[in-house]
Amino acid sequence: MKTTPPTVYIIDDEPAIRDSLTLMIAQENIPVMAFESAQAFLEVCQQDYSGCAIVDYRMPEMDGLELQYCITHYFFNRSWQYSNQC
C-alpha cells in the first residue's frame, strides 16, 4: 500500500484563514493541503493519509467535532465509506 507523506490538512471555510495558514506552513517546507469544508476533505481522504488536521470548529453543514467523529470512524473502521451523513 502506498502511503502519503505526513501532511498538515487545513479545513476551514474562511478563505483568508485557510490561505494564511497554508502559506505559513508551506514556507516551512511542510506538506500542506487545504480544504474549504469538512465534506471536501472527506471526499478525498484516504486511509493512508498521515499527519495532522487543523480544523475550524464553526463551519456550516459539518462542524469540527463532527468531522473528528467521521475521521475517527473512517480510520478505525475500514469498511466505512464517506456519505453526507458519515
Protein backbone atom coordinates (compact mmCIF):
# COMPACT_ATOMS: atom_id res chain seq x y z
CA MET A 1 0.00 0.00 0.00
CA LYS A 2 1.34 3.42 -0.99
CA THR A 3 1.34 5.93 1.85
CA THR A 4 1.34 9.67 1.66
CA PRO A 5 3.98 11.73 3.48
CA PRO A 6 2.87 13.27 6.77
CA THR A 7 0.88 16.33 5.83
CA VAL A 8 -0.91 19.17 7.59
CA TYR A 9 -4.55 19.24 6.50
CA ILE A 10 -6.27 22.59 6.95
CA ILE A 11 -10.05 22.52 6.96
CA ASP A 12 -11.61 25.97 7.24
CA ASP A 13 -14.47 27.70 5.44
CA GLU A 14 -12.85 31.15 5.66
CA PRO A 15 -10.51 31.67 2.69
CA ALA A 16 -8.28 34.25 4.43
CA ILE A 17 -7.57 31.95 7.37
CA ARG A 18 -7.15 28.88 5.17
CA ASP A 19 -4.78 30.70 2.81
CA SER A 20 -2.66 32.30 5.52
CA LEU A 21 -2.22 29.01 7.42
CA THR A 22 -1.38 27.22 4.19
CA LEU A 23 1.24 29.82 3.31
CA MET A 24 2.87 29.80 6.76
CA ILE A 25 3.11 26.01 6.87
CA ALA A 26 4.32 25.70 3.27
CA GLN A 27 7.09 28.24 3.96
CA GLU A 28 8.47 25.76 6.50
CA ASN A 29 8.64 23.10 3.74
CA ILE A 30 5.94 21.03 5.41
CA PRO A 31 3.47 19.33 3.07
CA VAL A 32 0.08 21.01 3.41
CA MET A 33 -3.33 20.57 1.83
CA ALA A 34 -6.25 22.95 2.37
CA PHE A 35 -9.99 22.30 2.12
CA GLU A 36 -12.93 24.69 2.23
CA SER A 37 -15.22 22.29 4.08
CA ALA A 38 -15.31 19.08 6.05
CA GLN A 39 -17.14 17.43 3.16
CA ALA A 40 -14.42 18.45 0.69
CA PHE A 41 -11.78 16.87 2.95
CA LEU A 42 -13.75 13.66 3.47
CA GLU A 43 -14.38 13.25 -0.26
CA VAL A 44 -10.64 12.90 -0.93
CA CYS A 45 -9.47 11.49 2.41
CA GLN A 46 -7.72 8.14 2.16
CA GLN A 47 -6.88 5.70 4.95
CA ASP A 48 -3.18 6.02 4.18
CA TYR A 49 -3.21 9.77 4.89
CA SER A 50 -0.97 10.66 7.80
CA GLY A 51 -0.27 13.90 9.58
CA CYS A 52 -2.48 16.29 11.48
CA ALA A 53 -5.57 18.33 10.78
CA ILE A 54 -6.18 21.94 11.73
CA VAL A 55 -9.94 22.17 11.76
CA ASP A 56 -12.26 25.13 12.17
CA TYR A 57 -14.70 24.38 14.96
CA ARG A 58 -17.51 26.50 13.47
CA MET A 59 -18.26 25.57 9.89
CA PRO A 60 -21.61 25.30 8.12
CA GLU A 61 -23.10 21.86 7.45
CA MET A 62 -20.48 19.92 9.45
CA ASP A 63 -18.52 21.44 12.31
CA GLY A 64 -15.05 20.45 13.50
CA LEU A 65 -16.29 17.98 16.13
CA GLU A 66 -18.49 16.19 13.61
CA LEU A 67 -15.53 15.98 11.26
CA GLN A 68 -13.38 14.48 14.04
CA TYR A 69 -16.08 11.86 14.61
CA CYS A 70 -16.10 10.98 10.90
CA ILE A 71 -12.30 10.80 10.73
CA THR A 72 -12.20 8.51 13.76
CA HIS A 73 -14.78 6.16 12.25
CA TYR A 74 -13.04 6.23 8.89
CA PHE A 75 -9.60 5.31 10.20
CA PHE A 76 -10.76 2.71 12.70
CA ASN A 77 -13.46 1.06 10.60
CA ARG A 78 -12.06 0.10 7.20
CA SER A 79 -15.48 -0.82 5.87
CA TRP A 80 -16.83 2.69 6.43
CA GLN A 81 -17.42 4.79 3.34
CA TYR A 82 -17.98 8.53 3.36
CA SER A 83 -21.53 9.67 2.93
CA ASN A 84 -23.17 13.00 3.65
CA GLN A 85 -24.28 11.58 6.99
CA CYS A 86 -20.96 9.97 7.96
